[in-house]
């Protein structure tokens, strides 16, 4: 299946299924997590995955230069958007009270907790 062929309804169905699966697996742990850190982590993962996609496009000898350039340009645009979303999440965080940013059930996070004096 190709992402570009999915309808909006199919994407919404996929989103709902991911939400249901997450709810079954994690229950209401979101009520005691610093949710915006979760969002930032996912956005960072998206950026990393896009960088890996660029690496693949640059190394794949089965595609022509024009396709490679389109892939790299598209990924670069998406990385820009991801960076803008990260900045927007940080802006939102600045406006929130402390009670919305506790992270009792955040678990072991890469880098974040060690920097803020946690684990």
C-alpha atoms as a PDB file:
ATOM      1  CA  UNK A   1       0.000   0.000   0.000  1.00  0.00           C
ATOM      2  CA  UNK A   2       1.293   3.496  -0.818  1.00  0.00           C
ATOM      3  CA  UNK A   3       0.760   6.422   1.545  1.00  0.00           C
ATOM      4  CA  UNK A   4       0.016   8.700  -1.385  1.00  0.00           C
ATOM      5  CA  UNK A   5      -2.954   6.548  -2.339  1.00  0.00           C
ATOM      6  CA  UNK A   6      -4.614   6.586   1.082  1.00  0.00           C
ATOM      7  CA  UNK A   7      -7.796   8.589   1.355  1.00  0.00           C
ATOM      8  CA  UNK A   8      -8.409  11.055   4.149  1.00  0.00           C
ATOM      9  CA  UNK A   9     -10.937   8.594   5.599  1.00  0.00           C
ATOM     10  CA  UNK A  10      -8.351   5.791   5.568  1.00  0.00           C
ATOM     11  CA  UNK A  11      -5.817   8.029   7.300  1.00  0.00           C
ATOM     12  CA  UNK A  12      -8.412   8.886   9.955  1.00  0.00           C
ATOM     13  CA  UNK A  13      -9.194   5.189  10.399  1.00  0.00           C
ATOM     14  CA  UNK A  14      -5.472   4.463  10.845  1.00  0.00           C
ATOM     15  CA  UNK A  15      -5.187   7.315  13.348  1.00  0.00           C
ATOM     16  CA  UNK A  16      -8.160   5.970  15.327  1.00  0.00           C
ATOM     17  CA  UNK A  17      -6.716   2.459  15.346  1.00  0.00           C
ATOM     18  CA  UNK A  18      -3.376   3.749  16.620  1.00  0.00           C
ATOM     19  CA  UNK A  19      -5.233   5.703  19.320  1.00  0.00           C
ATOM     20  CA  UNK A  20      -7.244   2.633  20.365  1.00  0.00           C
ATOM     21  CA  UNK A  21      -4.124   0.470  20.463  1.00  0.00           C
ATOM     22  CA  UNK A  22      -2.278   3.046  22.562  1.00  0.00           C
ATOM     23  CA  UNK A  23      -5.215   3.394  24.940  1.00  0.00           C
ATOM     24  CA  UNK A  24      -5.358  -0.382  25.443  1.00  0.00           C
ATOM     25  CA  UNK A  25      -1.607  -0.570  26.021  1.00  0.00           C
ATOM     26  CA  UNK A  26      -1.079   2.522  28.185  1.00  0.00           C
ATOM     27  CA  UNK A  27      -4.495   3.251  29.682  1.00  0.00           C
ATOM     28  CA  UNK A  28      -4.621   6.619  31.400  1.00  0.00           C
ATOM     29  CA  UNK A  29      -0.893   7.040  31.997  1.00  0.00           C
ATOM     30  CA  UNK A  30      -1.141  10.204  29.881  1.00  0.00           C
ATOM     31  CA  UNK A  31      -2.729  11.861  32.906  1.00  0.00           C
ATOM     32  CA  UNK A  32       0.620  11.674  34.743  1.00  0.00           C
ATOM     33  CA  UNK A  33       3.054  12.315  31.879  1.00  0.00           C
ATOM     34  CA  UNK A  34       4.588  15.517  30.550  1.00  0.00           C
ATOM     35  CA  UNK A  35       2.693  15.079  27.293  1.00  0.00           C
ATOM     36  CA  UNK A  36       4.520  17.830  25.451  1.00  0.00           C
ATOM     37  CA  UNK A  37       7.811  15.999  26.001  1.00  0.00           C
ATOM     38  CA  UNK A  38       6.150  12.983  24.359  1.00  0.00           C
ATOM     39  CA  UNK A  39       5.218  15.212  21.410  1.00  0.00           C
ATOM     40  CA  UNK A  40       8.752  16.636  21.135  1.00  0.00           C
ATOM     41  CA  UNK A  41      10.244  13.134  21.275  1.00  0.00           C
ATOM     42  CA  UNK A  42       7.951  11.956  18.472  1.00  0.00           C
ATOM     43  CA  UNK A  43       8.756  15.026  16.381  1.00  0.00           C
ATOM     44  CA  UNK A  44      12.477  14.473  16.935  1.00  0.00           C
ATOM     45  CA  UNK A  45      12.006  10.862  15.850  1.00  0.00           C
ATOM     46  CA  UNK A  46      10.227  12.106  12.721  1.00  0.00           C
ATOM     47  CA  UNK A  47      13.160  14.400  11.944  1.00  0.00           C
ATOM     48  CA  UNK A  48      15.658  11.587  12.468  1.00  0.00           C
ATOM     49  CA  UNK A  49      13.636   9.244  10.251  1.00  0.00           C
ATOM     50  CA  UNK A  50      13.469  11.912   7.533  1.00  0.00           C
ATOM     51  CA  UNK A  51      17.256  12.339   7.728  1.00  0.00           C
ATOM     52  CA  UNK A  52      17.603   8.577   7.290  1.00  0.00           C
ATOM     53  CA  UNK A  53      15.246   8.758   4.305  1.00  0.00           C
ATOM     54  CA  UNK A  54      17.531  11.396   2.737  1.00  0.00           C
ATOM     55  CA  UNK A  55      20.502   9.105   3.349  1.00  0.00           C
ATOM     56  CA  UNK A  56      18.660   6.285   1.599  1.00  0.00           C
ATOM     57  CA  UNK A  57      17.719   8.524  -1.332  1.00  0.00           C
ATOM     58  CA  UNK A  58      21.326   9.651  -1.717  1.00  0.00           C
ATOM     59  CA  UNK A  59      22.674   6.088  -1.640  1.00  0.00           C
ATOM     60  CA  UNK A  60      20.041   4.285  -3.700  1.00  0.00           C
ATOM     61  CA  UNK A  61      21.603   3.671  -7.085  1.00  0.00           C
ATOM     62  CA  UNK A  62      18.301   2.485  -8.603  1.00  0.00           C
ATOM     63  CA  UNK A  63      16.745   5.942  -8.835  1.00  0.00           C
ATOM     64  CA  UNK A  64      17.757   8.749 -11.147  1.00  0.00           C
ATOM     65  CA  UNK A  65      19.186  12.086 -10.021  1.00  0.00           C
ATOM     66  CA  UNK A  66      15.899  13.951 -10.558  1.00  0.00           C
ATOM     67  CA  UNK A  67      13.995  11.563  -8.284  1.00  0.00           C
ATOM     68  CA  UNK A  68      16.781  11.754  -5.709  1.00  0.00           C
ATOM     69  CA  UNK A  69      16.630  15.566  -5.721  1.00  0.00           C
ATOM     70  CA  UNK A  70      12.827  15.538  -5.338  1.00  0.00           C
ATOM     71  CA  UNK A  71      13.108  13.135  -2.411  1.00  0.00           C
ATOM     72  CA  UNK A  72      15.767  15.246  -0.702  1.00  0.00           C
ATOM     73  CA  UNK A  73      13.922  18.530  -1.299  1.00  0.00           C
ATOM     74  CA  UNK A  74      10.669  17.051  -0.001  1.00  0.00           C
ATOM     75  CA  UNK A  75      12.345  15.633   3.091  1.00  0.00           C
ATOM     76  CA  UNK A  76      14.126  18.935   3.736  1.00  0.00           C
ATOM     77  CA  UNK A  77      10.779  20.758   3.613  1.00  0.00           C
ATOM     78  CA  UNK A  78       9.305  18.266   6.057  1.00  0.00           C
ATOM     79  CA  UNK A  79      12.298  18.620   8.400  1.00  0.00           C
ATOM     80  CA  UNK A  80      11.702  22.390   8.333  1.00  0.00           C
ATOM     81  CA  UNK A  81       8.036  21.824   9.236  1.00  0.00           C
ATOM     82  CA  UNK A  82       9.002  19.414  12.025  1.00  0.00           C
ATOM     83  CA  UNK A  83      11.417  22.032  13.407  1.00  0.00           C
ATOM     84  CA  UNK A  84       8.661  24.657  13.310  1.00  0.00           C
ATOM     85  CA  UNK A  85       6.313  22.283  15.137  1.00  0.00           C
ATOM     86  CA  UNK A  86       8.954  21.684  17.828  1.00  0.00           C
ATOM     87  CA  UNK A  87       9.296  25.439  18.275  1.00  0.00           C
ATOM     88  CA  UNK A  88       5.497  25.757  18.530  1.00  0.00           C
ATOM     89  CA  UNK A  89       5.344  23.049  21.207  1.00  0.00           C
ATOM     90  CA  UNK A  90       8.018  24.890  23.201  1.00  0.00           C
ATOM     91  CA  UNK A  91       6.019  28.121  22.833  1.00  0.00           C
ATOM     92  CA  UNK A  92       2.922  26.358  24.150  1.00  0.00           C
ATOM     93  CA  UNK A  93       4.918  24.949  27.065  1.00  0.00           C
ATOM     94  CA  UNK A  94       5.980  28.447  28.139  1.00  0.00           C
ATOM     95  CA  UNK A  95       2.313  29.348  28.670  1.00  0.00           C
ATOM     96  CA  UNK A  96       1.381  26.350  30.824  1.00  0.00           C
ATOM     97  CA  UNK A  97       1.151  26.057  34.609  1.00  0.00           C
ATOM     98  CA  UNK A  98       3.402  23.583  36.412  1.00  0.00           C
ATOM     99  CA  UNK A  99       0.549  21.146  37.158  1.00  0.00           C
ATOM    100  CA  UNK A 100       0.262  20.361  33.437  1.00  0.00           C
ATOM    101  CA  UNK A 101       3.937  19.538  33.018  1.00  0.00           C
ATOM    102  CA  UNK A 102       4.534  16.881  35.664  1.00  0.00           C
ATOM    103  CA  UNK A 103       6.037  13.621  34.441  1.00  0.00           C
ATOM    104  CA  UNK A 104       5.576  10.973  37.132  1.00  0.00           C
ATOM    105  CA  UNK A 105       4.894   8.232  34.579  1.00  0.00           C
ATOM    106  CA  UNK A 106       7.248   9.510  31.880  1.00  0.00           C
ATOM    107  CA  UNK A 107       9.688   6.676  32.480  1.00  0.00           C
ATOM    108  CA  UNK A 108      13.298   6.839  31.388  1.00  0.00           C
ATOM    109  CA  UNK A 109      13.620   9.506  28.763  1.00  0.00           C
ATOM    110  CA  UNK A 110      16.686   9.957  26.600  1.00  0.00           C
ATOM    111  CA  UNK A 111      18.548  13.111  27.664  1.00  0.00           C
ATOM    112  CA  UNK A 112      15.580  15.100  29.065  1.00  0.00           C
ATOM    113  CA  UNK A 113      15.385  13.933  32.674  1.00  0.00           C
ATOM    114  CA  UNK A 114      19.145  13.956  33.178  1.00  0.00           C
ATOM    115  CA  UNK A 115      19.204  17.633  32.139  1.00  0.00           C
ATOM    116  CA  UNK A 116      16.349  18.744  34.346  1.00  0.00           C
ATOM    117  CA  UNK A 117      17.678  17.065  37.475  1.00  0.00           C
ATOM    118  CA  UNK A 118      15.518  13.939  37.311  1.00  0.00           C
ATOM    119  CA  UNK A 119      16.768  10.410  36.830  1.00  0.00           C
END
